[in-house]
Protein backbone atom coordinates (compact mmCIF):
# COMPACT_ATOMS: atom_id res chain seq x y z
CA UNK A 1 -13.26 15.80 -6.80
CA UNK A 2 -16.76 16.90 -6.04
CA UNK A 3 -17.67 17.28 -2.37
CA UNK A 4 -20.63 14.94 -2.94
CA UNK A 5 -18.21 12.13 -3.88
CA UNK A 6 -15.86 12.33 -0.87
CA UNK A 7 -17.82 9.97 1.41
CA UNK A 8 -18.00 7.28 -1.27
CA UNK A 9 -14.27 7.52 -1.96
CA UNK A 10 -13.38 7.42 1.74
CA UNK A 11 -15.53 4.30 2.22
CA UNK A 12 -13.91 2.42 -0.66
CA UNK A 13 -11.30 -0.26 -0.10
CA UNK A 14 -8.14 -0.79 -2.16
CA UNK A 15 -8.90 -2.85 -5.27
CA UNK A 16 -5.77 -4.96 -5.22
CA UNK A 17 -4.83 -3.85 -8.72
CA UNK A 18 -1.30 -3.89 -10.06
CA UNK A 19 -0.25 -1.71 -12.99
CA UNK A 20 2.91 -0.95 -14.90
CA UNK A 21 2.82 2.80 -15.46
CA UNK A 22 5.10 4.69 -17.83
CA UNK A 23 7.70 7.24 -16.83
CA UNK A 24 6.27 10.67 -16.05
CA UNK A 25 2.83 9.17 -15.38
CA UNK A 26 0.34 11.72 -13.97
CA UNK A 27 -0.54 9.29 -11.16
CA UNK A 28 2.87 10.05 -9.64
CA UNK A 29 3.33 13.57 -10.94
CA UNK A 30 -0.04 14.74 -9.59
CA UNK A 31 0.76 14.33 -5.88
CA UNK A 32 4.51 14.48 -6.53
CA UNK A 33 7.21 11.96 -5.79
CA UNK A 34 7.73 13.43 -2.33
CA UNK A 35 4.26 12.24 -1.21
CA UNK A 36 5.02 9.22 1.04
CA UNK A 37 1.51 7.85 0.46
CA UNK A 38 2.47 7.27 -3.17
CA UNK A 39 6.25 6.82 -3.20
CA UNK A 40 7.86 5.47 -0.02
CA UNK A 41 10.43 8.01 1.21
CA UNK A 42 13.28 5.52 1.05
CA UNK A 43 12.50 4.88 -2.66
CA UNK A 44 12.09 8.44 -3.90
CA UNK A 45 15.57 8.55 -5.50
CA UNK A 46 14.82 5.37 -7.43
CA UNK A 47 11.62 6.87 -8.86
CA UNK A 48 12.61 10.54 -9.21
CA UNK A 49 16.05 10.47 -10.78
CA UNK A 50 18.57 13.15 -11.68
CA UNK A 51 17.73 15.78 -14.27
CA UNK A 52 14.01 15.42 -13.55
CA UNK A 53 13.64 11.88 -14.96
CA UNK A 54 10.66 9.99 -13.50
CA UNK A 55 11.10 6.23 -13.87
CA UNK A 56 8.40 3.84 -15.11
CA UNK A 57 6.78 2.40 -11.99
CA UNK A 58 4.97 -0.64 -10.68
CA UNK A 59 1.92 0.37 -8.64
CA UNK A 60 0.17 -2.15 -6.40
CA UNK A 61 -2.63 -1.26 -4.01
CA UNK A 62 -2.14 2.43 -4.79
CA UNK A 63 1.54 2.56 -3.78
CA UNK A 64 4.71 2.47 -5.88
CA UNK A 65 6.18 -0.99 -5.23
CA UNK A 66 8.94 -1.00 -7.85
CA UNK A 67 10.25 0.30 -11.15
CA UNK A 68 10.63 -1.30 -14.55
CA UNK A 69 12.66 -1.02 -17.75
CA UNK A 70 11.96 -2.39 -21.18
CA UNK A 71 14.22 -3.45 -24.01
CA UNK A 72 13.34 -5.28 -27.21
CA UNK A 73 12.28 -8.60 -25.68
CA UNK A 74 12.73 -8.26 -21.92
CA UNK A 75 11.09 -6.36 -19.11
CA UNK A 76 13.22 -5.90 -16.00
CA UNK A 77 11.15 -5.32 -12.88
CA UNK A 78 12.94 -3.97 -9.80
CA UNK A 79 10.59 -4.91 -6.93
CA UNK A 80 11.14 -3.10 -3.62
CA UNK A 81 12.07 -5.56 -0.85
CA UNK A 82 9.88 -3.86 1.73
CA UNK A 83 6.86 -4.49 -0.52
CA UNK A 84 7.10 -8.20 0.29
CA UNK A 85 7.18 -11.03 -2.18
CA UNK A 86 6.50 -9.98 -5.79
CA UNK A 87 2.95 -11.06 -6.73
CA UNK A 88 3.86 -13.17 -9.72
CA UNK A 89 0.41 -13.80 -11.22
CA UNK A 90 -0.63 -10.10 -11.28
CA UNK A 91 2.82 -9.10 -12.58
CA UNK A 92 2.66 -11.70 -15.34
CA UNK A 93 -0.86 -10.58 -16.29
CA UNK A 94 0.20 -6.94 -16.49
CA UNK A 95 3.29 -7.80 -18.55
CA UNK A 96 1.07 -9.82 -20.88
CA UNK A 97 -1.21 -6.80 -21.26
CA UNK A 98 1.78 -4.59 -22.08
CA UNK A 99 3.15 -7.18 -24.52
CA UNK A 100 -0.18 -7.18 -26.33
CA UNK A 101 -0.13 -3.40 -26.61
CA UNK A 102 3.40 -3.54 -28.00
CA UNK A 103 2.65 -6.56 -30.21
CA UNK A 104 5.67 -8.52 -28.99
CA UNK A 105 6.63 -11.23 -26.54
CA UNK A 106 8.35 -10.10 -23.35
CA UNK A 107 10.50 -12.16 -21.02
CA UNK A 108 9.99 -11.13 -17.39
CA UNK A 109 13.01 -10.67 -15.12
CA UNK A 110 12.29 -9.69 -11.53
CA UNK A 111 14.93 -8.53 -9.08
CA UNK A 112 14.35 -7.48 -5.51
CA UNK A 113 16.03 -4.21 -4.65
């Protein structure tokens, strides 16, 4: 980041966006999974698994709020309990976006973990 841009970034507010990011996404790998601003400490093992596997993640308001897995026709979202109630409309919209990229219909299954 350029020094000239720091003030603008610091003055910005969270955008309220929710995204499904793939495993090994640079958004998590950049700061590392041990950064509690990105991955809550209690959830690090769920995101950073054995043998160096980094799970696909759900990011809301700049923080990892869950993980997800995909099979042929179903997306299983594991939403972290401490993140509150899963925001169904943004989750559905993001799954619809992913389904369009994959050119298939996806059934959403959400569990709170």
